[in-house]
Each structure stands twice: as C-alpha cells, then as structure tokens.
Amino acid sequence: MSNGIYQAIATAMSEIEPIAKKRRNLEQKFNFRGIDDVMNELSPILVKNKIFIYPEVTDVLRNERTTAKGGTLFYSVLTVKYHFTHEDGSELCCVVVGEGMDTGDKASNKAMAIAFKYACLQMFCIPTEDMPDPDAETPPPSTPQNNANLPQKPNGNGQKVENLAENERKTKAGEAIGKILETVDPDEQPFFNKKEIEIERKIFMTSNMAEIEKQYTRLKSELEKRKANWKPIPFGDSDNFENDIPEGMYPKQGE
C-alpha cells in the first residue's frame, strides 16, 4: 500500500507560513486565529500536495444552559475524527473535540469549525507569529511542590514549624485554584488572562489557609459568572490583551 500522505504532509508543513492571531474577541479581550485564516493559508497548499480532508463525527453531546439573563444557550460537544487523505489512498487520522455555544441553531456548526481548526493547527504544527520563546522568560525562584508534604523538623520547643495536615490542605487548595485559573472557554481561550493569574498566584503565596479558602470561593464565583456571560460575538482586530484586567476585579492600593 502506498504511503504518499506522509511525504505530502511533510512537504505541506515546509510550505505553510505562520498564521498570526489577528482577530480579536472584543468582549473577553483576546486575540485568536480564525477558521478562515487557517483555511485561506492551507487551501492552495493542500491542493498542490494533493491532500484532502474529510470529517467523521464519532460522538455528539448536546444540552441547554440558562444564561445570566434567563435566555437559552445551546451547547454542543462533538468528537470528530479527521481523515487527511492523499490521492494514492493513504491517510492519517486525528481525533479532536470541538465545543460550541449558540442561542440559535449554530452550536454544532461552531463546534465543527473549532474542531477542524485545531485539527489542522496540530496536524501541520502551524506556528503563530507571536509565539514566545521559552528562553525569553526567566521564572522566579520556587520550591518544588513535592516538598510541600514533607514533615518539617521540630523547632527548639519540640513543636513542628508547620503542621503536615495544614500543608496538605494548602497543596490541595492550590491545585483547585490552579484548575480554576486554567479553565478555558469553548474557543479554548482562558477565562483568566496572564496578568490575573500572576496576581492570584502572588495572593496565594502570601495568604494563610483562611484567606486561601476565601480566594478559592471568590475565584469559583468569578469563573461561573464569566461562563454564564460568555457568548459568541463579532470579532475584529485590536492590540494585545495580555495585561487587561476587568475593572473592579482587584481593589486599588489604599482601598
């Protein structure tokens, strides 16, 4: 059996240019690469290398959600198997999950568009022009989390510096807060931006357990509010959003 698809994909990867995040979500303030950007770049290259793609929906999950204003939001999760096929009959497949929300009949359409976009981005390893190099940043010194659960040496009075159970609680609370901060929307964009995450981590590191519990409750409530308010909107171009923080999210110094 021929295996022309392997050479065809490798050749296509060498011809694909980076796709910048030129589109903008005005409500949630993030830049992204739209499905049209991906298809416009790939289409002539796929034709040239005799590659065609067809989808196979293997699983469908649909439900309805109520928005903050009492409306109905239709939510679709599709598991799609994409076949990247060469003219000689050989093919490579990848399975992706697409999620879409809409107040009308477009939830599944959006889920398919998201699934296809990320299948192509990952299959062809398409870079973005503003992808940061790991060597461009130096993280601050930190202590490995694995040491957090180790018993501490007793002090001069024979008492432990920190209680082991308290360490375990703080570690679990940190993991729970981390999951909230890493939650992404149906377009796989984070609900919390980098600046917010940086602030929350500093709050966590300087707080006691009672304060951390309040932090968790606050972030959980904020996440639910952002999920409820998320909705598809028109997109446009704008500047980088990385440091934007919703007004009122954090009190100003002295307040």
C-alpha atoms as a PDB file:
ATOM      1  CA  MET A   1       0.000   0.000   0.000  1.00  0.00           C
ATOM      2  CA  SER A   2       1.262   3.482  -0.831  1.00  0.00           C
ATOM      3  CA  ASN A   3       2.142   5.931   1.930  1.00  0.00           C
ATOM      4  CA  GLY A   4       2.212   9.173  -0.040  1.00  0.00           C
ATOM      5  CA  ILE A   5       0.315  11.018   2.695  1.00  0.00           C
ATOM      6  CA  TYR A   6       3.417  11.100   4.919  1.00  0.00           C
ATOM      7  CA  GLN A   7       5.558  12.833   2.315  1.00  0.00           C
ATOM      8  CA  ALA A   8       2.674  15.090   1.290  1.00  0.00           C
ATOM      9  CA  ILE A   9       2.098  16.333   4.856  1.00  0.00           C
ATOM     10  CA  ALA A  10       5.823  16.850   5.421  1.00  0.00           C
ATOM     11  CA  THR A  11       6.051  18.880   2.206  1.00  0.00           C
ATOM     12  CA  ALA A  12       2.952  20.895   3.117  1.00  0.00           C
ATOM     13  CA  MET A  13       4.444  21.720   6.530  1.00  0.00           C
ATOM     14  CA  SER A  14       7.524  23.171   4.838  1.00  0.00           C
ATOM     15  CA  GLU A  15       5.332  25.463   2.729  1.00  0.00           C
ATOM     16  CA  ILE A  16       2.910  26.738   5.380  1.00  0.00           C
ATOM     17  CA  GLU A  17       3.643  30.213   6.728  1.00  0.00           C
ATOM     18  CA  PRO A  18       2.960  31.225  10.352  1.00  0.00           C
ATOM     19  CA  ILE A  19      -0.604  32.394  10.972  1.00  0.00           C
ATOM     20  CA  ALA A  20      -0.774  35.394  13.289  1.00  0.00           C
ATOM     21  CA  LYS A  21      -3.528  35.979  15.836  1.00  0.00           C
ATOM     22  CA  LYS A  22      -5.010  38.954  14.006  1.00  0.00           C
ATOM     23  CA  ARG A  23      -8.630  38.502  15.026  1.00  0.00           C
ATOM     24  CA  ARG A  24      -9.984  39.874  18.291  1.00  0.00           C
ATOM     25  CA  ASN A  25     -12.660  38.849  20.781  1.00  0.00           C
ATOM     26  CA  LEU A  26     -13.861  42.282  21.857  1.00  0.00           C
ATOM     27  CA  GLU A  27     -15.839  41.111  24.885  1.00  0.00           C
ATOM     28  CA  GLN A  28     -13.262  38.836  26.508  1.00  0.00           C
ATOM     29  CA  LYS A  29     -10.285  40.746  25.074  1.00  0.00           C
ATOM     30  CA  PHE A  30      -8.118  38.078  23.481  1.00  0.00           C
ATOM     31  CA  ASN A  31      -6.573  37.645  20.047  1.00  0.00           C
ATOM     32  CA  PHE A  32      -7.037  34.449  18.042  1.00  0.00           C
ATOM     33  CA  ARG A  33      -6.585  32.763  14.665  1.00  0.00           C
ATOM     34  CA  GLY A  34      -9.929  32.301  12.919  1.00  0.00           C
ATOM     35  CA  ILE A  35     -11.015  29.296  10.878  1.00  0.00           C
ATOM     36  CA  ASP A  36     -10.956  31.470   7.723  1.00  0.00           C
ATOM     37  CA  ASP A  37      -7.311  32.406   8.369  1.00  0.00           C
ATOM     38  CA  VAL A  38      -6.373  28.728   8.620  1.00  0.00           C
ATOM     39  CA  MET A  39      -8.349  27.656   5.546  1.00  0.00           C
ATOM     40  CA  ASN A  40      -7.067  30.527   3.410  1.00  0.00           C
ATOM     41  CA  GLU A  41      -3.475  29.574   4.199  1.00  0.00           C
ATOM     42  CA  LEU A  42      -3.958  25.818   3.825  1.00  0.00           C
ATOM     43  CA  SER A  43      -6.276  25.512   0.835  1.00  0.00           C
ATOM     44  CA  PRO A  44      -3.772  26.144  -2.021  1.00  0.00           C
ATOM     45  CA  ILE A  45      -1.100  24.092  -0.236  1.00  0.00           C
ATOM     46  CA  LEU A  46      -3.442  21.134   0.223  1.00  0.00           C
ATOM     47  CA  VAL A  47      -4.407  21.278  -3.454  1.00  0.00           C
ATOM     48  CA  LYS A  48      -0.770  21.494  -4.542  1.00  0.00           C
ATOM     49  CA  ASN A  49       0.187  18.448  -2.445  1.00  0.00           C
ATOM     50  CA  LYS A  50      -2.958  16.506  -3.382  1.00  0.00           C
ATOM     51  CA  ILE A  51      -4.298  16.246   0.176  1.00  0.00           C
ATOM     52  CA  PHE A  52      -7.975  16.320   1.004  1.00  0.00           C
ATOM     53  CA  ILE A  53      -9.627  16.188   4.420  1.00  0.00           C
ATOM     54  CA  TYR A  54     -12.979  14.756   5.420  1.00  0.00           C
ATOM     55  CA  PRO A  55     -14.580  14.596   8.890  1.00  0.00           C
ATOM     56  CA  GLU A  56     -16.226  11.713  10.713  1.00  0.00           C
ATOM     57  CA  VAL A  57     -18.302  12.686  13.764  1.00  0.00           C
ATOM     58  CA  THR A  58     -17.928   9.847  16.257  1.00  0.00           C
ATOM     59  CA  ASP A  59     -19.749  11.288  19.267  1.00  0.00           C
ATOM     60  CA  VAL A  60     -22.246  14.084  19.950  1.00  0.00           C
ATOM     61  CA  LEU A  61     -23.210  15.680  23.264  1.00  0.00           C
ATOM     62  CA  ARG A  62     -25.863  18.407  23.354  1.00  0.00           C
ATOM     63  CA  ASN A  63     -27.535  20.227  26.211  1.00  0.00           C
ATOM     64  CA  GLU A  64     -29.139  23.523  27.061  1.00  0.00           C
ATOM     65  CA  ARG A  65     -27.912  26.112  29.522  1.00  0.00           C
ATOM     66  CA  THR A  66     -29.555  29.163  31.017  1.00  0.00           C
ATOM     67  CA  THR A  67     -27.724  32.449  30.620  1.00  0.00           C
ATOM     68  CA  ALA A  68     -27.392  35.090  33.339  1.00  0.00           C
ATOM     69  CA  LYS A  69     -30.238  36.992  31.674  1.00  0.00           C
ATOM     70  CA  GLY A  70     -32.540  33.964  31.634  1.00  0.00           C
ATOM     71  CA  GLY A  71     -32.118  33.096  27.962  1.00  0.00           C
ATOM     72  CA  THR A  72     -31.365  29.678  26.495  1.00  0.00           C
ATOM     73  CA  LEU A  73     -27.902  28.774  25.281  1.00  0.00           C
ATOM     74  CA  PHE A  74     -27.432  25.595  23.252  1.00  0.00           C
ATOM     75  CA  TYR A  75     -24.177  23.756  23.957  1.00  0.00           C
ATOM     76  CA  SER A  76     -22.677  21.112  21.641  1.00  0.00           C
ATOM     77  CA  VAL A  77     -19.610  18.939  22.141  1.00  0.00           C
ATOM     78  CA  LEU A  78     -18.561  16.921  19.092  1.00  0.00           C
ATOM     79  CA  THR A  79     -15.838  14.311  18.874  1.00  0.00           C
ATOM     80  CA  VAL A  80     -14.591  14.369  15.303  1.00  0.00           C
ATOM     81  CA  LYS A  81     -12.167  12.071  13.516  1.00  0.00           C
ATOM     82  CA  TYR A  82     -10.464  13.892  10.631  1.00  0.00           C
ATOM     83  CA  HIS A  83      -9.044  11.866   7.750  1.00  0.00           C
ATOM     84  CA  PHE A  84      -6.095  13.517   5.972  1.00  0.00           C
ATOM     85  CA  THR A  85      -6.066  11.589   2.711  1.00  0.00           C
ATOM     86  CA  HIS A  86      -3.649  11.532  -0.253  1.00  0.00           C
ATOM     87  CA  GLU A  87      -4.579  10.845  -3.864  1.00  0.00           C
ATOM     88  CA  ASP A  88      -2.887   7.430  -3.647  1.00  0.00           C
ATOM     89  CA  GLY A  89      -5.413   6.333  -0.976  1.00  0.00           C
ATOM     90  CA  SER A  90      -3.119   6.544   2.040  1.00  0.00           C
ATOM     91  CA  GLU A  91      -4.306   8.571   5.011  1.00  0.00           C
ATOM     92  CA  LEU A  92      -3.524   9.812   8.512  1.00  0.00           C
ATOM     93  CA  CYS A  93      -6.255  10.415  11.073  1.00  0.00           C
ATOM     94  CA  CYS A  94      -6.553  12.558  14.166  1.00  0.00           C
ATOM     95  CA  VAL A  95      -9.377  12.814  16.689  1.00  0.00           C
ATOM     96  CA  VAL A  96     -10.267  16.175  18.230  1.00  0.00           C
ATOM     97  CA  VAL A  97     -13.060  17.534  20.404  1.00  0.00           C
ATOM     98  CA  GLY A  98     -14.890  20.696  19.389  1.00  0.00           C
ATOM     99  CA  GLU A  99     -17.215  22.718  21.623  1.00  0.00           C
ATOM    100  CA  GLY A 100     -19.699  25.343  20.513  1.00  0.00           C
ATOM    101  CA  MET A 101     -22.361  27.537  22.105  1.00  0.00           C
ATOM    102  CA  ASP A 102     -25.134  29.478  20.395  1.00  0.00           C
ATOM    103  CA  THR A 103     -28.537  30.925  21.174  1.00  0.00           C
ATOM    104  CA  GLY A 104     -29.840  29.630  17.848  1.00  0.00           C
ATOM    105  CA  ASP A 105     -29.067  26.643  15.643  1.00  0.00           C
ATOM    106  CA  LYS A 106     -25.320  27.178  15.118  1.00  0.00           C
ATOM    107  CA  ALA A 107     -23.845  25.386  18.164  1.00  0.00           C
ATOM    108  CA  SER A 108     -22.845  22.243  16.245  1.00  0.00           C
ATOM    109  CA  ASN A 109     -21.568  24.309  13.304  1.00  0.00           C
ATOM    110  CA  LYS A 110     -19.281  26.218  15.655  1.00  0.00           C
ATOM    111  CA  ALA A 111     -18.138  23.000  17.313  1.00  0.00           C
ATOM    112  CA  MET A 112     -17.202  21.586  13.887  1.00  0.00           C
ATOM    113  CA  ALA A 113     -15.337  24.767  12.960  1.00  0.00           C
ATOM    114  CA  ILE A 114     -13.326  24.719  16.193  1.00  0.00           C
ATOM    115  CA  ALA A 115     -12.562  21.009  15.798  1.00  0.00           C
ATOM    116  CA  PHE A 116     -11.361  21.451  12.211  1.00  0.00           C
ATOM    117  CA  LYS A 117      -9.248  24.499  13.034  1.00  0.00           C
ATOM    118  CA  TYR A 118      -7.364  22.748  15.817  1.00  0.00           C
ATOM    119  CA  ALA A 119      -7.024  19.515  13.847  1.00  0.00           C
ATOM    120  CA  CYS A 120      -5.214  21.477  11.132  1.00  0.00           C
ATOM    121  CA  LEU A 121      -3.157  23.601  13.535  1.00  0.00           C
ATOM    122  CA  GLN A 122      -1.906  20.490  15.298  1.00  0.00           C
ATOM    123  CA  MET A 123      -1.539  18.138  12.349  1.00  0.00           C
ATOM    124  CA  PHE A 124       0.593  20.670  10.437  1.00  0.00           C
ATOM    125  CA  CYS A 125       2.166  22.241  13.578  1.00  0.00           C
ATOM    126  CA  ILE A 126       1.285  25.721  12.317  1.00  0.00           C
ATOM    127  CA  PRO A 127       3.086  28.380  14.387  1.00  0.00           C
ATOM    128  CA  THR A 128       1.818  31.810  15.296  1.00  0.00           C
ATOM    129  CA  GLU A 129       3.964  34.856  14.613  1.00  0.00           C
ATOM    130  CA  ASP A 130       3.824  35.955  18.242  1.00  0.00           C
ATOM    131  CA  MET A 131       4.634  32.573  19.811  1.00  0.00           C
ATOM    132  CA  PRO A 132       7.017  33.297  22.742  1.00  0.00           C
ATOM    133  CA  ASP A 133      10.338  31.522  23.016  1.00  0.00           C
ATOM    134  CA  PRO A 134      10.757  29.760  26.403  1.00  0.00           C
ATOM    135  CA  ASP A 135      14.266  31.272  26.673  1.00  0.00           C
ATOM    136  CA  ALA A 136      12.755  34.759  26.593  1.00  0.00           C
ATOM    137  CA  GLU A 137      11.411  34.407  30.129  1.00  0.00           C
ATOM    138  CA  THR A 138      13.064  33.524  33.418  1.00  0.00           C
ATOM    139  CA  PRO A 139      10.625  32.318  36.090  1.00  0.00           C
ATOM    140  CA  PRO A 140      11.183  33.434  39.695  1.00  0.00           C
ATOM    141  CA  PRO A 141      12.869  31.013  42.135  1.00  0.00           C
ATOM    142  CA  SER A 142      10.444  28.447  43.536  1.00  0.00           C
ATOM    143  CA  THR A 143      10.294  25.433  45.813  1.00  0.00           C
ATOM    144  CA  PRO A 144       9.243  22.083  44.288  1.00  0.00           C
ATOM    145  CA  GLN A 145       5.663  21.243  45.262  1.00  0.00           C
ATOM    146  CA  ASN A 146       6.677  17.683  46.112  1.00  0.00           C
ATOM    147  CA  ASN A 147       8.458  19.039  49.178  1.00  0.00           C
ATOM    148  CA  ALA A 148       5.317  20.694  50.481  1.00  0.00           C
ATOM    149  CA  ASN A 149       4.034  17.483  52.063  1.00  0.00           C
ATOM    150  CA  LEU A 150       7.279  16.517  53.790  1.00  0.00           C
ATOM    151  CA  PRO A 151       7.256  16.751  57.614  1.00  0.00           C
ATOM    152  CA  GLN A 152       9.168  19.758  58.948  1.00  0.00           C
ATOM    153  CA  LYS A 153      11.947  19.489  61.521  1.00  0.00           C
ATOM    154  CA  PRO A 154      10.831  20.376  65.045  1.00  0.00           C
ATOM    155  CA  ASN A 155      11.893  23.725  66.465  1.00  0.00           C
ATOM    156  CA  GLY A 156      13.630  24.260  69.780  1.00  0.00           C
ATOM    157  CA  ASN A 157      10.427  23.637  71.751  1.00  0.00           C
ATOM    158  CA  GLY A 158       9.851  20.266  70.101  1.00  0.00           C
ATOM    159  CA  GLN A 159       6.965  21.624  68.027  1.00  0.00           C
ATOM    160  CA  LYS A 160       6.718  21.312  64.236  1.00  0.00           C
ATOM    161  CA  VAL A 161       7.309  24.508  62.306  1.00  0.00           C
ATOM    162  CA  GLU A 162       4.290  23.753  60.113  1.00  0.00           C
ATOM    163  CA  ASN A 163       1.622  21.159  60.562  1.00  0.00           C
ATOM    164  CA  LEU A 164       1.695  18.418  57.910  1.00  0.00           C
ATOM    165  CA  ALA A 165      -2.093  18.362  57.569  1.00  0.00           C
ATOM    166  CA  GLU A 166      -2.102  22.128  57.010  1.00  0.00           C
ATOM    167  CA  ASN A 167       0.480  21.714  54.232  1.00  0.00           C
ATOM    168  CA  GLU A 168      -1.657  19.068  52.572  1.00  0.00           C
ATOM    169  CA  ARG A 169      -4.721  21.327  52.720  1.00  0.00           C
ATOM    170  CA  LYS A 170      -2.794  24.211  51.197  1.00  0.00           C
ATOM    171  CA  THR A 171      -1.396  22.000  48.430  1.00  0.00           C
ATOM    172  CA  LYS A 172      -4.867  20.718  47.522  1.00  0.00           C
ATOM    173  CA  ALA A 173      -6.278  24.241  47.658  1.00  0.00           C
ATOM    174  CA  GLY A 174      -3.512  25.417  45.340  1.00  0.00           C
ATOM    175  CA  GLU A 175      -4.345  22.666  42.854  1.00  0.00           C
ATOM    176  CA  ALA A 176      -8.041  23.603  42.963  1.00  0.00           C
ATOM    177  CA  ILE A 177      -7.290  27.283  42.407  1.00  0.00           C
ATOM    178  CA  GLY A 178      -4.901  26.370  39.598  1.00  0.00           C
ATOM    179  CA  LYS A 179      -7.646  24.419  37.806  1.00  0.00           C
ATOM    180  CA  ILE A 180      -9.966  27.417  38.009  1.00  0.00           C
ATOM    181  CA  LEU A 181      -7.335  29.777  36.602  1.00  0.00           C
ATOM    182  CA  GLU A 182      -6.526  27.349  33.757  1.00  0.00           C
ATOM    183  CA  THR A 183     -10.168  26.881  32.683  1.00  0.00           C
ATOM    184  CA  VAL A 184     -10.759  27.712  29.021  1.00  0.00           C
ATOM    185  CA  ASP A 185     -13.889  28.705  27.110  1.00  0.00           C
ATOM    186  CA  PRO A 186     -15.433  26.824  24.144  1.00  0.00           C
ATOM    187  CA  ASP A 187     -12.897  28.521  21.859  1.00  0.00           C
ATOM    188  CA  GLU A 188     -10.103  27.097  24.055  1.00  0.00           C
ATOM    189  CA  GLN A 189      -9.149  30.558  25.282  1.00  0.00           C
ATOM    190  CA  PRO A 190      -8.503  31.129  29.017  1.00  0.00           C
ATOM    191  CA  PHE A 191     -11.176  32.832  31.110  1.00  0.00           C
ATOM    192  CA  PHE A 192      -8.368  34.461  33.147  1.00  0.00           C
ATOM    193  CA  ASN A 193      -5.517  36.272  31.402  1.00  0.00           C
ATOM    194  CA  LYS A 194      -1.830  36.080  32.306  1.00  0.00           C
ATOM    195  CA  LYS A 195      -1.847  39.215  34.437  1.00  0.00           C
ATOM    196  CA  GLU A 196      -4.768  37.966  36.521  1.00  0.00           C
ATOM    197  CA  ILE A 197      -3.103  34.580  37.014  1.00  0.00           C
ATOM    198  CA  GLU A 198       0.109  36.271  38.132  1.00  0.00           C
ATOM    199  CA  ILE A 199      -1.791  38.374  40.694  1.00  0.00           C
ATOM    200  CA  GLU A 200      -3.734  35.383  42.024  1.00  0.00           C
ATOM    201  CA  ARG A 201      -0.575  33.335  42.463  1.00  0.00           C
ATOM    202  CA  LYS A 202       1.017  36.132  44.483  1.00  0.00           C
ATOM    203  CA  ILE A 203      -2.106  36.328  46.640  1.00  0.00           C
ATOM    204  CA  PHE A 204      -1.963  32.574  47.207  1.00  0.00           C
ATOM    205  CA  MET A 205       1.722  32.571  48.144  1.00  0.00           C
ATOM    206  CA  THR A 206       1.267  35.304  50.773  1.00  0.00           C
ATOM    207  CA  SER A 207      -2.013  34.070  52.313  1.00  0.00           C
ATOM    208  CA  ASN A 208      -2.886  31.806  55.216  1.00  0.00           C
ATOM    209  CA  MET A 209      -5.359  28.932  54.862  1.00  0.00           C
ATOM    210  CA  ALA A 210      -8.409  31.003  55.822  1.00  0.00           C
ATOM    211  CA  GLU A 211      -7.525  33.637  53.241  1.00  0.00           C
ATOM    212  CA  ILE A 212      -6.865  30.957  50.604  1.00  0.00           C
ATOM    213  CA  GLU A 213     -10.327  29.484  51.186  1.00  0.00           C
ATOM    214  CA  LYS A 214     -11.827  32.929  50.576  1.00  0.00           C
ATOM    215  CA  GLN A 215      -9.696  33.272  47.459  1.00  0.00           C
ATOM    216  CA  TYR A 216     -10.977  29.926  46.138  1.00  0.00           C
ATOM    217  CA  THR A 217     -14.616  30.902  46.798  1.00  0.00           C
ATOM    218  CA  ARG A 218     -14.122  34.258  45.093  1.00  0.00           C
ATOM    219  CA  LEU A 219     -12.457  32.752  42.007  1.00  0.00           C
ATOM    220  CA  LYS A 220     -15.038  29.988  41.712  1.00  0.00           C
ATOM    221  CA  SER A 221     -17.824  32.587  41.753  1.00  0.00           C
ATOM    222  CA  GLU A 222     -15.968  34.753  39.214  1.00  0.00           C
ATOM    223  CA  LEU A 223     -15.459  31.781  36.878  1.00  0.00           C
ATOM    224  CA  GLU A 224     -19.138  30.863  36.976  1.00  0.00           C
ATOM    225  CA  LYS A 225     -20.037  34.471  36.198  1.00  0.00           C
ATOM    226  CA  ARG A 226     -17.665  34.547  33.207  1.00  0.00           C
ATOM    227  CA  LYS A 227     -19.001  31.234  31.942  1.00  0.00           C
ATOM    228  CA  ALA A 228     -22.570  32.497  32.196  1.00  0.00           C
ATOM    229  CA  ASN A 229     -21.721  35.745  30.404  1.00  0.00           C
ATOM    230  CA  TRP A 230     -19.711  34.108  27.628  1.00  0.00           C
ATOM    231  CA  LYS A 231     -21.393  34.373  24.259  1.00  0.00           C
ATOM    232  CA  PRO A 232     -20.412  34.364  20.589  1.00  0.00           C
ATOM    233  CA  ILE A 233     -19.800  37.886  19.297  1.00  0.00           C
ATOM    234  CA  PRO A 234     -18.425  39.541  16.147  1.00  0.00           C
ATOM    235  CA  PHE A 235     -14.661  39.676  16.058  1.00  0.00           C
ATOM    236  CA  GLY A 236     -12.255  42.365  14.950  1.00  0.00           C
ATOM    237  CA  ASP A 237      -8.597  43.341  15.064  1.00  0.00           C
ATOM    238  CA  SER A 238      -7.070  45.071  18.081  1.00  0.00           C
ATOM    239  CA  ASP A 239      -3.927  45.261  20.195  1.00  0.00           C
ATOM    240  CA  ASN A 240      -2.566  42.667  22.572  1.00  0.00           C
ATOM    241  CA  PHE A 241      -4.790  41.896  25.549  1.00  0.00           C
ATOM    242  CA  GLU A 242      -2.431  40.009  27.810  1.00  0.00           C
ATOM    243  CA  ASN A 243      -2.422  42.527  30.679  1.00  0.00           C
ATOM    244  CA  ASP A 244      -6.078  43.595  30.585  1.00  0.00           C
ATOM    245  CA  ILE A 245      -7.914  43.139  33.876  1.00  0.00           C
ATOM    246  CA  PRO A 246     -11.692  43.569  34.264  1.00  0.00           C
ATOM    247  CA  GLU A 247     -12.495  46.824  36.034  1.00  0.00           C
ATOM    248  CA  GLY A 248     -13.188  46.259  39.733  1.00  0.00           C
ATOM    249  CA  MET A 249     -11.593  42.793  39.797  1.00  0.00           C
ATOM    250  CA  TYR A 250      -8.879  43.948  42.201  1.00  0.00           C
ATOM    251  CA  PRO A 251      -9.009  46.915  44.597  1.00  0.00           C
ATOM    252  CA  LYS A 252      -6.562  49.743  44.028  1.00  0.00           C
ATOM    253  CA  GLN A 253      -3.794  50.324  46.521  1.00  0.00           C
ATOM    254  CA  GLY A 254      -5.067  52.115  49.612  1.00  0.00           C
ATOM    255  CA  GLU A 255      -8.658  50.916  49.186  1.00  0.00           C
END
